[in-house]
N, C-alpha and C. Protein backbone atom coordinates (compact mmCIF):
# COMPACT_ATOMS: atom_id res chain seq x y z
N SER A 1 0.83 -1.24 0.14
CA SER A 1 -0.04 -0.10 -0.11
C SER A 1 0.86 1.41 0.08
N THR A 2 0.32 2.25 -0.51
CA THR A 2 0.94 3.63 -0.65
C THR A 2 0.20 4.62 -0.12
N PHE A 3 0.38 5.60 0.91
CA PHE A 3 -0.25 6.56 1.38
C PHE A 3 0.60 8.03 1.11
N ILE A 4 -0.38 8.90 0.56
CA ILE A 4 0.37 10.13 0.24
C ILE A 4 -0.32 11.23 0.80
N GLU A 5 0.53 12.02 1.39
CA GLU A 5 -0.05 13.07 2.35
C GLU A 5 0.41 14.48 1.83
N PHE A 6 -0.42 15.30 1.36
CA PHE A 6 -0.01 16.72 1.04
C PHE A 6 0.07 17.69 2.16
N VAL A 7 1.18 18.30 2.49
CA VAL A 7 1.43 19.08 3.65
C VAL A 7 1.69 20.59 3.13
N CYS A 8 1.36 21.53 3.90
CA CYS A 8 1.46 23.12 3.53
C CYS A 8 3.06 23.37 3.57
N ASP A 9 3.58 23.88 2.62
CA ASP A 9 4.83 24.50 2.51
C ASP A 9 4.86 25.72 1.57
N PRO A 10 4.57 26.97 2.09
CA PRO A 10 4.43 28.02 1.65
C PRO A 10 5.57 28.40 0.63
N THR A 11 6.72 28.12 0.83
CA THR A 11 7.97 28.36 0.03
C THR A 11 8.09 27.37 -1.03
N ASP A 12 7.49 26.32 -1.21
CA ASP A 12 7.66 25.17 -2.24
C ASP A 12 9.03 24.74 -2.15
N SER A 13 9.68 24.65 -1.08
CA SER A 13 11.23 24.50 -1.08
C SER A 13 11.50 23.16 -0.53
N LEU A 14 10.66 22.55 0.22
CA LEU A 14 10.97 21.44 0.90
C LEU A 14 10.82 20.03 0.01
N GLN A 15 11.49 19.04 0.12
CA GLN A 15 11.53 17.93 -0.58
C GLN A 15 10.63 16.91 -0.11
N PRO A 16 10.00 16.00 -0.88
CA PRO A 16 9.26 14.92 -0.35
C PRO A 16 10.01 13.91 0.32
N THR A 17 9.32 13.44 1.32
CA THR A 17 9.89 12.25 2.13
C THR A 17 9.03 10.95 1.97
N VAL A 18 9.92 9.82 1.89
CA VAL A 18 9.27 8.67 1.90
C VAL A 18 9.75 7.79 3.01
N VAL A 19 8.76 7.08 3.72
CA VAL A 19 9.06 6.14 4.76
C VAL A 19 8.45 4.71 4.36
N GLN A 20 9.20 3.68 4.50
CA GLN A 20 8.82 2.36 4.06
C GLN A 20 8.67 1.56 5.46
N SER A 21 7.70 0.87 5.64
CA SER A 21 7.48 0.07 6.82
C SER A 21 6.91 -1.29 6.20
N GLY A 22 7.69 -2.26 5.95
CA GLY A 22 7.30 -3.53 5.39
C GLY A 22 6.86 -3.38 3.93
N CYS A 23 5.50 -3.49 3.65
CA CYS A 23 5.06 -3.29 2.49
C CYS A 23 4.09 -1.90 2.15
N VAL A 24 4.25 -1.01 3.22
CA VAL A 24 3.61 0.16 3.14
C VAL A 24 4.54 1.32 3.06
N HIS A 25 4.35 2.02 1.99
CA HIS A 25 5.12 3.26 1.84
C HIS A 25 4.21 4.50 2.13
N SER A 26 4.88 5.39 2.85
CA SER A 26 4.12 6.65 3.15
C SER A 26 4.90 7.82 2.53
N VAL A 27 4.38 8.58 1.84
CA VAL A 27 4.97 9.79 1.07
C VAL A 27 4.33 10.95 1.62
N THR A 28 5.18 11.83 2.05
CA THR A 28 4.87 13.18 2.50
C THR A 28 5.38 14.28 1.32
N PHE A 29 4.40 14.96 0.71
CA PHE A 29 4.66 15.97 -0.31
C PHE A 29 4.34 17.24 0.15
N PRO A 30 5.28 18.02 0.45
CA PRO A 30 5.09 19.54 0.75
C PRO A 30 4.83 20.35 -0.53
N THR A 31 3.81 21.12 -0.44
CA THR A 31 3.61 22.12 -1.59
C THR A 31 2.79 23.00 -1.02
N ALA A 32 2.96 24.28 -1.79
CA ALA A 32 2.12 25.57 -1.36
C ALA A 32 0.68 25.30 -1.80
N LEU A 33 0.39 24.47 -2.53
CA LEU A 33 -0.87 24.35 -2.99
C LEU A 33 -1.97 23.65 -1.89
N ALA A 34 -1.11 23.05 -0.77
CA ALA A 34 -1.83 22.34 0.31
C ALA A 34 -2.14 23.56 1.48
N CYS A 35 -1.70 24.81 1.24
CA CYS A 35 -1.88 25.67 2.30
C CYS A 35 -3.34 26.39 2.24
N VAL A 36 -3.82 26.61 3.12
CA VAL A 36 -5.15 27.32 3.23
C VAL A 36 -5.02 28.59 2.90
N GLN A 37 -5.79 29.03 1.90
CA GLN A 37 -5.71 30.42 1.47
C GLN A 37 -6.69 31.17 2.35
N PRO A 38 -6.29 32.52 2.82
CA PRO A 38 -7.34 33.42 3.45
C PRO A 38 -8.35 33.86 2.61
N PRO A 39 -9.50 33.92 3.04
CA PRO A 39 -10.57 34.46 2.17
C PRO A 39 -10.33 35.77 1.57
N VAL A 40 -10.82 35.80 0.44
CA VAL A 40 -10.49 37.14 -0.32
C VAL A 40 -11.82 38.19 -0.17
N ASP A 41 -11.37 39.42 0.15
CA ASP A 41 -12.48 40.48 0.33
C ASP A 41 -12.67 40.92 -1.04
N CYS A 42 -13.94 40.70 -1.70
CA CYS A 42 -13.96 41.29 -3.10
C CYS A 42 -15.09 42.17 -3.07
N THR A 43 -14.90 43.43 -2.37
CA THR A 43 -15.96 44.37 -2.41
C THR A 43 -15.48 45.87 -2.88
N ALA A 44 -16.30 46.58 -3.56
CA ALA A 44 -16.09 47.87 -3.89
C ALA A 44 -16.71 48.68 -3.08
N TYR A 45 -16.23 49.95 -2.83
CA TYR A 45 -16.80 51.00 -1.84
C TYR A 45 -16.90 52.22 -2.54
N ASP A 46 -18.02 52.63 -2.34
CA ASP A 46 -18.34 54.18 -2.98
C ASP A 46 -18.49 54.91 -1.80
N ALA A 47 -17.32 55.83 -1.72
CA ALA A 47 -17.32 56.70 -0.63
C ALA A 47 -18.38 57.77 -0.65
N ALA A 48 -18.61 58.22 -1.75
CA ALA A 48 -19.73 59.36 -1.92
C ALA A 48 -21.07 58.91 -1.67
N LYS A 49 -21.40 57.73 -1.70
CA LYS A 49 -22.78 57.20 -1.40
C LYS A 49 -22.71 56.43 -0.13
N GLY A 50 -21.64 56.08 0.45
CA GLY A 50 -21.45 55.28 1.51
C GLY A 50 -21.92 53.88 1.50
N LEU A 51 -21.88 53.31 0.09
CA LEU A 51 -22.22 51.91 -0.14
C LEU A 51 -21.18 51.06 -0.42
N SER A 52 -21.23 49.84 -0.20
CA SER A 52 -20.25 48.84 -0.72
C SER A 52 -21.11 47.91 -1.56
N TYR A 53 -20.20 47.12 -2.43
CA TYR A 53 -20.86 46.26 -3.39
C TYR A 53 -19.98 45.11 -3.41
N ASP A 54 -20.72 44.08 -3.33
CA ASP A 54 -19.96 42.63 -3.54
C ASP A 54 -19.72 42.29 -5.13
N ILE A 55 -18.39 42.33 -5.49
CA ILE A 55 -18.37 42.14 -6.81
C ILE A 55 -17.63 40.76 -7.11
N ALA A 56 -17.82 39.88 -6.14
CA ALA A 56 -17.15 38.57 -6.43
C ALA A 56 -17.60 37.81 -7.60
N ALA A 57 -18.82 38.03 -8.13
CA ALA A 57 -19.04 37.51 -9.51
C ALA A 57 -18.07 37.97 -10.50
N LEU A 58 -17.44 38.94 -10.46
CA LEU A 58 -16.41 39.51 -11.37
C LEU A 58 -15.03 38.89 -11.07
N ALA A 59 -14.89 37.94 -10.17
CA ALA A 59 -13.49 37.62 -9.75
C ALA A 59 -12.98 36.74 -10.95
N GLY A 60 -11.66 36.84 -11.03
CA GLY A 60 -11.13 35.99 -12.03
C GLY A 60 -10.28 36.78 -12.94
N THR A 61 -9.58 36.34 -13.99
CA THR A 61 -8.62 37.05 -14.92
C THR A 61 -9.49 37.14 -16.15
N HIS A 62 -9.47 38.45 -16.59
CA HIS A 62 -10.20 38.93 -17.93
C HIS A 62 -9.14 39.50 -18.88
N VAL A 63 -9.35 38.98 -20.02
CA VAL A 63 -8.49 39.29 -21.15
C VAL A 63 -9.21 40.18 -22.19
N LEU A 64 -8.45 41.49 -22.42
CA LEU A 64 -9.26 42.31 -23.26
C LEU A 64 -8.17 42.80 -24.42
N GLU A 65 -8.75 42.86 -25.72
CA GLU A 65 -7.70 43.30 -26.72
C GLU A 65 -8.18 44.41 -27.48
N GLY A 66 -7.40 45.30 -27.90
CA GLY A 66 -7.77 46.30 -28.70
C GLY A 66 -6.62 47.18 -28.99
N ASN A 67 -6.67 47.98 -30.23
CA ASN A 67 -5.42 48.68 -30.71
C ASN A 67 -4.08 48.17 -30.79
N GLY A 68 -4.00 46.81 -30.89
CA GLY A 68 -2.82 46.02 -30.99
C GLY A 68 -2.17 45.67 -29.35
N ASP A 69 -2.92 46.05 -28.42
CA ASP A 69 -2.51 45.72 -27.06
C ASP A 69 -3.56 44.71 -26.53
N ILE A 70 -2.92 43.97 -25.91
CA ILE A 70 -3.80 42.96 -24.76
C ILE A 70 -3.49 43.35 -23.33
N PHE A 71 -4.63 43.46 -22.69
CA PHE A 71 -4.56 43.55 -21.15
C PHE A 71 -5.13 42.41 -20.35
N ALA A 72 -4.43 41.88 -19.67
CA ALA A 72 -5.03 40.88 -18.82
C ALA A 72 -5.10 41.41 -17.46
N ILE A 73 -6.37 41.58 -16.85
CA ILE A 73 -6.87 42.14 -15.56
C ILE A 73 -7.33 41.09 -14.80
N SER A 74 -6.84 41.05 -13.64
CA SER A 74 -7.32 40.21 -12.51
C SER A 74 -8.13 40.93 -11.43
N VAL A 75 -9.44 40.62 -11.22
CA VAL A 75 -10.54 41.08 -10.36
C VAL A 75 -10.47 40.23 -9.06
N CYS A 76 -10.16 40.92 -7.94
CA CYS A 76 -10.37 40.36 -6.63
C CYS A 76 -9.07 39.30 -6.34
N GLY A 77 -7.95 39.59 -7.13
CA GLY A 77 -6.71 38.99 -6.79
C GLY A 77 -5.71 39.12 -7.86
N ALA A 78 -4.56 38.45 -7.54
CA ALA A 78 -3.43 38.63 -8.58
C ALA A 78 -3.58 37.83 -9.72
N LEU A 79 -2.95 38.24 -10.83
CA LEU A 79 -2.78 37.29 -12.03
C LEU A 79 -2.17 35.90 -11.66
N ASP A 80 -2.62 35.02 -12.49
CA ASP A 80 -1.98 33.65 -12.32
C ASP A 80 -0.46 33.87 -12.89
N VAL A 81 0.54 33.42 -11.98
CA VAL A 81 1.91 33.59 -12.52
C VAL A 81 2.18 32.64 -13.56
N GLY A 82 1.85 31.68 -13.51
CA GLY A 82 2.09 30.71 -14.57
C GLY A 82 1.93 31.07 -16.01
N MET A 83 0.65 31.68 -16.12
CA MET A 83 0.03 32.21 -17.30
C MET A 83 0.69 33.37 -17.77
N TYR A 84 1.18 34.36 -16.72
CA TYR A 84 1.68 35.59 -17.09
C TYR A 84 3.04 35.76 -16.38
N SER A 85 3.97 34.80 -16.60
CA SER A 85 5.21 34.73 -15.99
C SER A 85 6.09 36.03 -16.22
N GLN A 86 5.90 36.87 -17.07
CA GLN A 86 6.64 37.97 -17.40
C GLN A 86 6.41 38.94 -16.21
N CYS A 87 5.32 39.07 -15.46
CA CYS A 87 4.98 39.92 -14.41
C CYS A 87 5.32 39.36 -13.12
N PRO A 88 5.78 40.09 -12.14
CA PRO A 88 6.09 39.42 -10.86
C PRO A 88 4.89 39.03 -10.14
N VAL A 89 5.13 38.22 -8.87
CA VAL A 89 3.90 37.77 -8.22
C VAL A 89 3.14 39.00 -7.47
N GLY A 90 1.70 39.09 -7.36
CA GLY A 90 1.09 40.14 -7.09
C GLY A 90 0.69 41.19 -8.05
N THR A 91 0.84 41.00 -9.25
CA THR A 91 0.58 41.61 -10.49
C THR A 91 -0.94 41.72 -10.69
N GLY A 92 -1.79 42.75 -10.70
CA GLY A 92 -3.19 42.77 -10.92
C GLY A 92 -3.51 43.06 -12.36
N VAL A 93 -2.74 43.92 -13.11
CA VAL A 93 -2.84 44.21 -14.53
C VAL A 93 -1.63 43.90 -15.34
N CYS A 94 -1.65 43.36 -16.53
CA CYS A 94 -0.47 43.23 -17.28
C CYS A 94 -0.81 43.76 -18.64
N GLN A 95 -0.16 44.59 -19.24
CA GLN A 95 -0.35 44.94 -20.57
C GLN A 95 0.73 44.36 -21.62
N PHE A 96 0.40 43.85 -22.71
CA PHE A 96 1.14 43.38 -23.62
C PHE A 96 0.99 44.09 -24.99
N ALA A 97 2.20 44.59 -25.52
CA ALA A 97 2.16 45.18 -26.88
C ALA A 97 3.17 44.64 -27.66
N ASN A 98 3.05 44.16 -28.68
CA ASN A 98 3.96 43.60 -29.60
C ASN A 98 4.75 42.62 -28.82
N LEU A 99 6.00 42.70 -28.52
CA LEU A 99 6.84 41.88 -28.01
C LEU A 99 7.18 42.46 -26.51
N SER A 100 6.60 43.50 -26.06
CA SER A 100 6.99 44.13 -24.66
C SER A 100 5.70 43.97 -23.78
N TYR A 101 5.90 44.26 -22.46
CA TYR A 101 4.99 44.25 -21.48
C TYR A 101 5.03 45.16 -20.41
N ALA A 102 4.02 45.59 -19.69
CA ALA A 102 3.93 46.50 -18.53
C ALA A 102 3.19 45.81 -17.46
N CYS A 103 3.69 45.97 -16.30
CA CYS A 103 3.02 45.38 -15.26
C CYS A 103 2.60 46.29 -14.12
N ILE A 104 1.43 46.27 -13.54
CA ILE A 104 0.93 47.12 -12.45
C ILE A 104 0.66 46.29 -11.28
N LEU A 105 1.57 46.33 -10.23
CA LEU A 105 1.53 45.63 -8.98
C LEU A 105 0.27 46.02 -8.05
N LEU A 106 -0.71 45.17 -8.07
CA LEU A 106 -2.01 45.55 -7.38
C LEU A 106 -2.43 44.17 -6.76
N PRO A 107 -2.75 44.17 -5.46
CA PRO A 107 -3.31 43.02 -4.83
C PRO A 107 -4.68 42.53 -5.39
N ARG A 108 -5.42 43.65 -5.73
CA ARG A 108 -6.67 43.58 -6.38
C ARG A 108 -7.03 44.77 -7.16
N VAL A 109 -7.74 44.51 -8.31
CA VAL A 109 -8.03 45.62 -9.12
C VAL A 109 -9.71 45.94 -8.99
N ILE A 110 -10.10 46.89 -8.62
CA ILE A 110 -11.46 47.45 -8.34
C ILE A 110 -11.93 48.44 -9.17
């Protein structure tokens, strides 16, 4: 038998460990994906009216194209680093024009 346990490693720097006991193998696999993520506050506040709006329905990454530019905008969080690796972690907006890009570091875009 084999047992696999995923444990939180926010740095993704630890190596998996394997322990064998007879015919049983236990694998402990550290990964950032096992870490509990804090809830994201996805509200917009209108100071003039004193109202707040839940914009969670808009959450996610949206891609807009126009005039030769491509904008990747993440609402309520940062862009997926894997898809937009040109921009550093925490980027909320990334603009691509031809072969260049510009990044705006925002924890969330409202």
